[in-house]
Amino acid sequence: MNPISADLRRIVDEIEASTVDVKAAITMPREAYTSEQFFELEKEAVFMKEWLAVGHQSQIPNAGDYFSLTVADEPVILVRTAEGAINALSGVCRHRGFPLTSGEYHAHGNCSAIVCPYHNWSYDLEGEIVTAPHMRQTIDMESLRRTEKLPKFRVEIIQGFIFINFDQDSAPLKPQVAKWEEAVKNYGIERMIAQPTIVTPDLNYNWKILHENALEPYHTMFVHAGFHEVAPATKATFMEFEDGDGQIMHPTGFIERDAGFNPAGKALFPILPGLGELERSQVLFGSLPPTLFFCCMPDQVFAFFVLPTSATRTTLLITWLFPEESMKWPRFKWAYASQSSTNDVLNIQDQEANEELQKGLKSRFGTRGRYSHLEKTLPQFNRWLYLRLRRYVDGKRARSAMPAVVAG
């Protein structure tokens, strides 16, 4: 990225006022949601540096299973090797940069080799070149194999979710999400099976708006009136956030045990084994920024994978997770279809609200508003983002101030 402009530094400086206690914090400057230059800064400071949740291990259970997606303009292929490991490989051919899988989001299947559809270069599941037709006249295969391997990215599997990192020097993720692991340990997410992914491309709003809407209960009593009363905003609680945390979470109590977001107001599926009274009396919402929002309920878990494509465009991948025992239940398909109808309504309500908010943020007459006590998670989310932007900007400033080394 080019040297950071004074205008971008100003925006980062102004975000600090959005990170203090909810009683004093104000919303982030509108440029944080509308500026393409600021989004480019986020790509470098956040998406190229942080751990990114991209899926669940059950989506590629067998050797050769793969799926692909694009994160901040970087195509990635997740593939299960013969040894059972999961590799995250660059999804761009080393020949002329052609995408190795068709479509931008969630191509999936099974393969023994990854073959570029343009000129038929092929790679094994470790990213090594296997074939490169008609290249011997310009370079021998031994030399080509030495220099042209698909880049491999770091992978951590936590609670069954697959996290990748483009930065080989980043600190491990697991210590950063200890509070999340403690909060979800009884749900058995690592043993669950993902249902087919729902892909919603080109949503007309900034990626942070999606997280903010999902994290705050304030809007639920208005946008979701009639749909969210089983877990009213007045029963929301908020977990404390510390600077080393990799998660923002808030549980909301149910009006009665084993509730569900459907017309019956009850869990539709068998209750997850191993849950205590706490888990059966609440819904747990949370984000592991920048790409994962999750929701844990007494009978299921769902995950949003948030993939921005520009300052004002976001693609959303939605995956529901159930244990194998629930999927064997005779009425599972019926219940899943019934639930999906309600989920569609809730998601459309959120998407429409998010799009309208994005429109409003274009106004030059807008203000940096105050938060409700029911939005305590938003200054926490802002703090998570600000710390990473600050570290990157200050690091760039320090490097630019270093004296040039002159050879003697």
Protein backbone atom coordinates (compact mmCIF):
# COMPACT_ATOMS: atom_id res chain seq x y z
CA MET A 1 0.00 0.00 0.00
CA ASN A 2 1.16 3.54 -0.75
CA PRO A 3 2.16 5.88 2.10
CA ILE A 4 -0.83 6.57 4.33
CA SER A 5 -2.37 9.95 3.61
CA ALA A 6 -3.04 12.61 6.21
CA ASP A 7 -6.76 12.15 5.57
CA LEU A 8 -6.62 8.43 6.41
CA ARG A 9 -4.60 9.17 9.54
CA ARG A 10 -7.27 11.69 10.55
CA ILE A 11 -10.04 9.08 10.18
CA VAL A 12 -8.10 6.59 12.32
CA ASP A 13 -7.48 9.28 14.94
CA GLU A 14 -11.19 10.13 15.00
CA ILE A 15 -12.21 6.50 15.56
CA GLU A 16 -10.63 6.59 19.02
CA ALA A 17 -13.65 8.56 20.30
CA SER A 18 -15.81 5.58 19.23
CA THR A 19 -13.92 3.14 21.48
CA VAL A 20 -14.53 4.51 24.96
CA ASP A 21 -17.25 3.52 27.45
CA VAL A 22 -20.71 3.28 25.87
CA LYS A 23 -21.90 6.20 28.03
CA ALA A 24 -19.45 8.53 26.28
CA ALA A 25 -18.67 6.90 22.92
CA ILE A 26 -19.84 8.33 19.59
CA THR A 27 -20.29 6.47 16.33
CA MET A 28 -17.42 6.12 13.88
CA PRO A 29 -16.91 8.79 11.18
CA ARG A 30 -18.96 8.16 8.07
CA GLU A 31 -15.80 7.82 5.93
CA ALA A 32 -15.10 4.56 7.78
CA TYR A 33 -18.12 3.14 5.93
CA THR A 34 -17.99 4.98 2.60
CA SER A 35 -14.37 5.67 1.65
CA GLU A 36 -12.69 3.26 -0.76
CA GLN A 37 -9.31 4.56 0.41
CA PHE A 38 -10.20 3.67 3.99
CA PHE A 39 -11.33 0.22 2.86
CA GLU A 40 -7.94 -0.29 1.20
CA LEU A 41 -6.35 0.57 4.54
CA GLU A 42 -8.58 -1.99 6.28
CA LYS A 43 -7.54 -4.65 3.78
CA GLU A 44 -3.88 -4.13 4.60
CA ALA A 45 -4.19 -3.49 8.35
CA VAL A 46 -6.91 -6.04 9.15
CA PHE A 47 -7.68 -8.59 6.44
CA MET A 48 -4.05 -9.22 5.49
CA LYS A 49 -2.94 -9.41 9.15
CA GLU A 50 -5.71 -11.03 11.20
CA TRP A 51 -7.15 -14.54 11.50
CA LEU A 52 -10.12 -14.92 9.16
CA ALA A 53 -12.86 -17.50 9.70
CA VAL A 54 -13.73 -18.99 6.31
CA GLY A 55 -15.78 -22.11 7.02
CA HIS A 56 -16.32 -25.22 9.12
CA GLN A 57 -14.26 -28.39 8.97
CA SER A 58 -17.36 -30.50 8.22
CA GLN A 59 -17.64 -28.80 4.82
CA ILE A 60 -14.60 -30.77 3.62
CA PRO A 61 -14.74 -34.07 5.54
CA ASN A 62 -12.96 -36.36 3.05
CA ALA A 63 -9.58 -36.42 1.33
CA GLY A 64 -9.76 -34.25 -1.79
CA ASP A 65 -12.80 -32.29 -0.65
CA TYR A 66 -12.41 -28.56 -1.25
CA PHE A 67 -14.24 -25.26 -1.29
CA SER A 68 -13.11 -21.85 -2.45
CA LEU A 69 -13.89 -18.25 -1.62
CA THR A 70 -12.44 -14.79 -2.10
CA VAL A 71 -11.39 -12.71 0.91
CA ALA A 72 -10.49 -9.05 0.31
CA ASP A 73 -9.68 -9.78 -3.36
CA GLU A 74 -7.59 -12.86 -2.51
CA PRO A 75 -8.92 -16.16 -3.95
CA VAL A 76 -8.35 -19.04 -1.53
CA ILE A 77 -8.89 -22.80 -1.83
CA LEU A 78 -9.46 -24.89 1.33
CA VAL A 79 -8.71 -28.56 0.69
CA ARG A 80 -8.52 -31.73 2.81
CA THR A 81 -5.33 -33.73 2.20
CA ALA A 82 -4.94 -37.51 2.19
CA GLU A 83 -3.41 -37.23 5.67
CA GLY A 84 -6.52 -35.43 6.96
CA ALA A 85 -4.99 -31.96 7.28
CA ILE A 86 -6.66 -28.85 5.87
CA ASN A 87 -4.58 -26.70 3.56
CA ALA A 88 -5.34 -23.12 2.60
CA LEU A 89 -3.82 -22.39 -0.80
CA SER A 90 -3.81 -19.36 -3.06
CA GLY A 91 -6.52 -19.84 -5.67
CA VAL A 92 -4.56 -18.10 -8.43
CA CYS A 93 -2.61 -20.01 -11.07
CA ARG A 94 1.15 -19.36 -11.06
CA HIS A 95 1.16 -19.12 -14.84
CA ARG A 96 -0.83 -15.96 -15.62
CA GLY A 97 -3.00 -15.41 -12.59
CA PHE A 98 -6.17 -17.19 -13.71
CA PRO A 99 -8.57 -18.21 -10.87
CA LEU A 100 -8.27 -21.94 -10.23
CA THR A 101 -11.92 -22.44 -9.38
CA SER A 102 -14.99 -21.13 -11.15
CA GLY A 103 -17.04 -18.42 -9.50
CA GLU A 104 -16.00 -16.08 -6.73
CA TYR A 105 -17.72 -17.74 -3.75
CA HIS A 106 -18.00 -21.26 -2.55
CA ALA A 107 -17.19 -23.47 -5.49
CA HIS A 108 -16.88 -26.93 -3.95
CA GLY A 109 -16.27 -30.55 -4.84
CA ASN A 110 -13.66 -33.29 -4.66
CA CYS A 111 -10.41 -33.52 -6.57
CA SER A 112 -7.09 -35.32 -6.69
CA ALA A 113 -5.40 -32.31 -8.27
CA ILE A 114 -6.23 -28.62 -8.72
CA VAL A 115 -6.36 -27.86 -12.44
CA CYS A 116 -6.38 -24.38 -13.94
CA PRO A 117 -9.19 -24.19 -16.53
CA TYR A 118 -7.24 -21.69 -18.68
CA HIS A 119 -4.06 -23.54 -19.72
CA ASN A 120 -4.40 -26.78 -17.74
CA TRP A 121 -1.55 -26.26 -15.30
CA SER A 122 -2.23 -28.61 -12.39
CA TYR A 123 -1.17 -28.70 -8.73
CA ASP A 124 -1.33 -31.34 -6.03
CA LEU A 125 -3.13 -30.71 -2.74
CA GLU A 126 0.04 -29.24 -1.23
CA GLY A 127 0.25 -26.65 -4.01
CA GLU A 128 3.13 -28.31 -5.91
CA ILE A 129 3.03 -28.18 -9.72
CA VAL A 130 2.17 -31.56 -11.26
CA THR A 131 1.81 -30.66 -14.94
CA ALA A 132 2.36 -27.59 -17.10
CA PRO A 133 1.61 -28.46 -20.74
CA HIS A 134 3.93 -27.16 -23.47
CA MET A 135 6.32 -25.41 -21.08
CA ARG A 136 9.44 -27.51 -21.64
CA GLN A 137 10.43 -25.42 -24.63
CA THR A 138 10.94 -22.40 -22.33
CA ILE A 139 11.72 -23.88 -18.90
CA ASP A 140 12.35 -27.37 -17.60
CA MET A 141 9.82 -28.82 -15.13
CA GLU A 142 12.37 -29.22 -12.35
CA SER A 143 13.10 -25.48 -12.38
CA LEU A 144 9.42 -24.64 -12.64
CA ARG A 145 8.57 -26.81 -9.65
CA ARG A 146 11.29 -25.12 -7.59
CA THR A 147 9.95 -21.62 -8.18
CA GLU A 148 6.21 -21.86 -8.88
CA LYS A 149 4.36 -23.38 -5.94
CA LEU A 150 0.93 -22.16 -4.81
CA PRO A 151 1.39 -20.01 -1.69
CA LYS A 152 0.15 -21.80 1.43
CA PHE A 153 -1.48 -19.80 4.22
CA ARG A 154 -1.57 -20.51 7.94
CA VAL A 155 -4.53 -22.49 9.28
CA GLU A 156 -5.98 -22.92 12.77
CA ILE A 157 -9.02 -25.08 13.53
CA ILE A 158 -10.85 -23.89 16.65
CA GLN A 159 -14.25 -25.26 17.71
CA GLY A 160 -14.49 -26.79 14.23
CA PHE A 161 -14.19 -23.44 12.45
CA ILE A 162 -11.41 -22.98 9.90
CA PHE A 163 -9.36 -19.81 10.33
CA ILE A 164 -6.69 -18.69 7.87
CA ASN A 165 -4.03 -15.99 8.06
CA PHE A 166 -2.14 -14.42 5.15
CA ASP A 167 0.53 -13.08 7.53
CA GLN A 168 3.11 -15.70 8.43
CA ASP A 169 4.25 -13.64 11.44
CA SER A 170 0.91 -13.09 13.20
CA ALA A 171 0.44 -14.36 16.74
CA PRO A 172 -1.59 -17.57 17.19
CA LEU A 173 -5.35 -17.08 17.39
CA LYS A 174 -6.28 -19.57 20.12
CA PRO A 175 -5.07 -17.47 23.10
CA GLN A 176 -7.05 -14.50 21.78
CA VAL A 177 -10.38 -16.35 21.76
CA ALA A 178 -10.22 -18.19 25.10
CA LYS A 179 -13.37 -16.45 26.36
CA TRP A 180 -15.27 -17.55 23.27
CA GLU A 181 -14.11 -21.15 23.65
CA GLU A 182 -15.23 -21.15 27.27
CA ALA A 183 -18.62 -19.68 26.38
CA VAL A 184 -19.36 -22.23 23.62
CA LYS A 185 -17.66 -25.35 25.01
CA ASN A 186 -20.93 -27.16 25.80
CA TYR A 187 -22.43 -26.76 22.31
CA GLY A 188 -20.11 -29.28 20.65
CA ILE A 189 -19.63 -27.12 17.55
CA GLU A 190 -16.52 -29.03 16.45
CA ARG A 191 -18.64 -32.19 16.10
CA MET A 192 -21.47 -30.51 14.17
CA ILE A 193 -22.18 -30.83 10.46
CA ALA A 194 -22.65 -27.78 8.25
CA GLN A 195 -25.74 -27.54 6.08
CA PRO A 196 -25.42 -26.27 2.48
CA THR A 197 -24.04 -22.73 2.46
CA ILE A 198 -26.36 -19.90 1.48
CA VAL A 199 -24.48 -17.32 -0.60
CA THR A 200 -25.80 -13.76 -0.73
CA PRO A 201 -23.50 -11.69 -2.95
CA ASP A 202 -23.19 -7.93 -3.40
CA LEU A 203 -25.10 -6.67 -0.39
CA ASN A 204 -25.13 -2.89 -0.65
CA TYR A 205 -23.44 -2.00 2.61
CA ASN A 206 -20.12 -1.92 4.41
CA TRP A 207 -18.90 -5.06 6.17
CA LYS A 208 -18.85 -3.34 9.57
CA ILE A 209 -22.54 -2.46 9.31
CA LEU A 210 -23.33 -6.17 9.10
CA HIS A 211 -21.36 -6.93 12.26
CA GLU A 212 -22.80 -3.94 14.11
CA ASN A 213 -26.39 -4.83 13.28
CA ALA A 214 -25.84 -8.46 14.26
CA LEU A 215 -24.12 -7.54 17.53
CA GLU A 216 -26.54 -5.00 18.99
CA PRO A 217 -29.95 -5.99 20.39
CA TYR A 218 -31.36 -2.44 20.31
CA HIS A 219 -32.81 -2.75 16.80
CA THR A 220 -34.51 -6.10 17.43
CA MET A 221 -37.51 -4.57 19.21
CA PHE A 222 -38.24 -2.43 16.15
CA VAL A 223 -36.85 -4.05 12.97
CA HIS A 224 -37.81 -7.56 14.16
CA ALA A 225 -41.00 -6.66 16.05
CA GLY A 226 -43.11 -9.80 16.31
CA PHE A 227 -40.18 -12.09 15.52
CA HIS A 228 -37.69 -11.52 18.33
CA GLU A 229 -39.88 -11.40 21.43
CA VAL A 230 -38.66 -14.81 22.65
CA ALA A 231 -35.33 -13.06 23.34
CA PRO A 232 -36.23 -9.42 24.02
CA ALA A 233 -33.58 -6.72 24.00
CA THR A 234 -34.40 -5.95 27.63
CA LYS A 235 -32.92 -9.36 28.55
CA ALA A 236 -29.61 -8.67 26.77
CA THR A 237 -26.37 -8.85 28.74
CA PHE A 238 -22.88 -7.87 27.63
CA MET A 239 -19.55 -9.52 28.23
CA GLU A 240 -16.58 -7.32 29.07
CA PHE A 241 -13.97 -6.70 26.38
CA GLU A 242 -10.21 -6.39 26.90
CA ASP A 243 -7.66 -5.22 24.37
CA GLY A 244 -6.23 -8.71 23.86
CA ASP A 245 -9.63 -10.23 23.11
CA GLY A 246 -10.49 -11.66 19.70
CA GLN A 247 -14.24 -11.82 20.32
CA ILE A 248 -17.20 -9.58 21.16
CA MET A 249 -20.18 -11.42 22.72
CA HIS A 250 -23.57 -10.76 24.24
CA PRO A 251 -26.02 -13.35 25.55
CA THR A 252 -29.73 -12.52 25.57
CA GLY A 253 -32.10 -14.32 27.90
CA PHE A 254 -35.18 -16.16 26.69
CA ILE A 255 -38.62 -15.48 28.12
CA GLU A 256 -38.85 -19.25 28.60
CA ARG A 257 -36.49 -22.22 28.42
CA ASP A 258 -35.56 -23.77 25.04
CA ALA A 259 -37.00 -20.99 22.93
CA GLY A 260 -36.56 -20.56 19.18
CA PHE A 261 -36.97 -17.88 16.51
CA ASN A 262 -40.07 -19.26 14.80
CA PRO A 263 -43.86 -18.78 15.08
CA ALA A 264 -44.08 -21.38 17.84
CA GLY A 265 -41.36 -19.65 19.85
CA LYS A 266 -39.90 -23.06 20.72
CA ALA A 267 -36.80 -24.96 19.67
CA LEU A 268 -37.78 -27.00 16.61
CA PHE A 269 -34.95 -29.54 16.77
CA PRO A 270 -33.70 -31.91 19.49
CA ILE A 271 -31.90 -30.04 22.26
CA LEU A 272 -28.12 -30.25 21.91
CA PRO A 273 -26.59 -32.84 24.25
CA GLY A 274 -24.40 -31.49 27.02
CA LEU A 275 -26.08 -28.13 27.48
CA GLY A 276 -26.64 -26.76 30.98
CA GLU A 277 -29.46 -24.57 32.22
CA LEU A 278 -27.55 -21.43 31.22
CA GLU A 279 -27.33 -22.41 27.55
CA ARG A 280 -30.97 -23.53 27.49
CA SER A 281 -32.15 -20.20 28.90
CA GLN A 282 -30.41 -17.86 26.44
CA VAL A 283 -29.17 -17.22 22.93
CA LEU A 284 -25.47 -16.33 22.59
CA PHE A 285 -24.58 -13.83 19.87
CA GLY A 286 -21.02 -12.84 19.03
CA SER A 287 -18.40 -11.83 16.49
CA LEU A 288 -14.85 -12.97 15.91
CA PRO A 289 -13.92 -10.08 13.62
CA PRO A 290 -13.42 -9.47 10.88
CA THR A 291 -15.19 -12.37 9.14
CA LEU A 292 -17.24 -14.41 11.64
CA PHE A 293 -20.55 -13.71 13.35
CA PHE A 294 -22.09 -16.64 15.25
CA CYS A 295 -25.25 -17.50 17.15
CA CYS A 296 -25.61 -20.42 19.57
CA MET A 297 -29.09 -21.67 20.49
CA PRO A 298 -30.29 -24.71 22.47
CA ASP A 299 -30.88 -26.76 19.32
CA GLN A 300 -28.47 -25.35 16.72
CA VAL A 301 -25.65 -22.97 15.82
CA PHE A 302 -25.40 -20.70 12.83
CA ALA A 303 -22.50 -18.74 11.37
CA PHE A 304 -22.21 -15.73 9.08
CA PHE A 305 -18.97 -15.46 7.10
CA VAL A 306 -18.58 -11.79 6.18
CA LEU A 307 -16.56 -11.13 3.01
CA PRO A 308 -16.26 -7.49 1.92
CA THR A 309 -15.66 -6.68 -1.73
CA SER A 310 -15.51 -2.87 -1.49
CA ALA A 311 -16.31 -0.06 0.94
CA THR A 312 -20.02 -0.44 0.12
CA ARG A 313 -20.36 -4.07 -0.99
CA THR A 314 -20.31 -7.24 1.10
CA THR A 315 -20.91 -10.91 0.32
CA LEU A 316 -22.44 -13.02 3.08
CA LEU A 317 -22.11 -16.78 3.47
CA ILE A 318 -24.61 -18.33 5.92
CA THR A 319 -24.15 -21.81 7.37
CA TRP A 320 -26.35 -23.65 9.90
CA LEU A 321 -24.76 -26.34 12.03
CA PHE A 322 -26.39 -29.38 13.68
CA PRO A 323 -25.08 -32.56 15.31
CA GLU A 324 -25.40 -35.74 13.30
CA GLU A 325 -28.00 -37.05 15.78
CA SER A 326 -30.33 -34.14 14.96
CA MET A 327 -29.95 -34.74 11.23
CA LYS A 328 -31.06 -38.35 11.71
CA TRP A 329 -34.25 -37.17 13.43
CA PRO A 330 -37.19 -38.16 11.13
CA ARG A 331 -38.63 -34.63 11.03
CA PHE A 332 -35.31 -32.84 10.46
CA LYS A 333 -35.93 -31.83 6.82
CA TRP A 334 -39.43 -30.63 7.62
CA ALA A 335 -38.25 -28.60 10.60
CA TYR A 336 -35.29 -27.19 8.65
CA ALA A 337 -37.54 -26.04 5.81
CA SER A 338 -39.95 -24.45 8.30
CA GLN A 339 -37.17 -22.65 10.12
CA SER A 340 -35.64 -21.43 6.87
CA SER A 341 -38.82 -19.54 6.01
CA THR A 342 -38.58 -17.51 9.23
CA ASN A 343 -34.83 -17.03 8.80
CA ASP A 344 -35.41 -15.61 5.34
CA VAL A 345 -37.73 -12.96 6.76
CA LEU A 346 -35.31 -12.00 9.56
CA ASN A 347 -32.37 -11.80 7.17
CA ILE A 348 -34.30 -9.65 4.69
CA GLN A 349 -35.33 -7.30 7.51
CA ASP A 350 -31.69 -6.89 8.52
CA GLN A 351 -30.46 -6.50 4.96
CA GLU A 352 -33.01 -3.81 4.17
CA ALA A 353 -32.15 -1.92 7.37
CA ASN A 354 -28.42 -2.19 6.64
CA GLU A 355 -28.87 -0.88 3.10
CA GLU A 356 -30.84 2.11 4.33
CA LEU A 357 -28.18 2.87 6.93
CA GLN A 358 -25.49 2.79 4.23
CA LYS A 359 -27.52 5.34 2.24
CA GLY A 360 -27.83 7.61 5.25
CA LEU A 361 -24.09 7.51 5.88
CA LYS A 362 -23.52 9.26 2.55
CA SER A 363 -25.13 12.44 3.90
CA ARG A 364 -22.77 15.33 4.61
CA PHE A 365 -25.25 16.52 7.25
CA GLY A 366 -25.10 13.35 9.29
CA THR A 367 -23.74 13.37 12.81
CA ARG A 368 -21.65 11.07 14.94
CA GLY A 369 -24.43 9.93 17.24
CA ARG A 370 -24.48 8.62 20.78
CA TYR A 371 -25.00 4.94 21.59
CA SER A 372 -27.78 3.35 23.61
CA HIS A 373 -26.86 1.20 26.59
CA LEU A 374 -28.21 -1.66 24.43
CA GLU A 375 -25.34 -1.07 21.99
CA LYS A 376 -22.49 -1.72 24.40
CA THR A 377 -20.98 -4.22 21.96
CA LEU A 378 -20.41 -1.52 19.32
CA PRO A 379 -17.72 0.51 21.13
CA GLN A 380 -16.11 -2.89 21.84
CA PHE A 381 -16.16 -3.74 18.13
CA ASN A 382 -14.80 -0.28 17.34
CA ARG A 383 -11.99 -0.82 19.85
CA TRP A 384 -11.06 -4.14 18.24
CA LEU A 385 -10.81 -2.40 14.85
CA TYR A 386 -9.09 0.75 16.10
CA LEU A 387 -6.27 -1.16 17.80
CA ARG A 388 -5.38 -2.89 14.54
CA LEU A 389 -5.60 0.25 12.43
CA ARG A 390 -3.55 2.17 14.98
CA ARG A 391 -0.84 -0.48 15.08
CA TYR A 392 -0.57 -0.56 11.30
CA VAL A 393 -0.60 3.22 10.82
CA ASP A 394 1.93 3.81 13.58
CA GLY A 395 4.13 1.04 12.20
CA LYS A 396 4.07 2.61 8.74
CA ARG A 397 4.93 6.00 10.24
CA ALA A 398 7.85 4.51 12.17
CA ARG A 399 9.21 2.75 9.09
CA SER A 400 8.91 5.87 6.94
CA ALA A 401 10.86 7.86 9.58
CA MET A 402 13.82 5.44 9.53
CA PRO A 403 16.92 6.91 7.91
CA ALA A 404 17.94 5.48 4.57
CA VAL A 405 20.89 3.10 4.61
CA VAL A 406 23.64 4.29 2.31
CA ALA A 407 26.17 1.74 1.12
CA GLY A 408 29.73 2.78 1.93
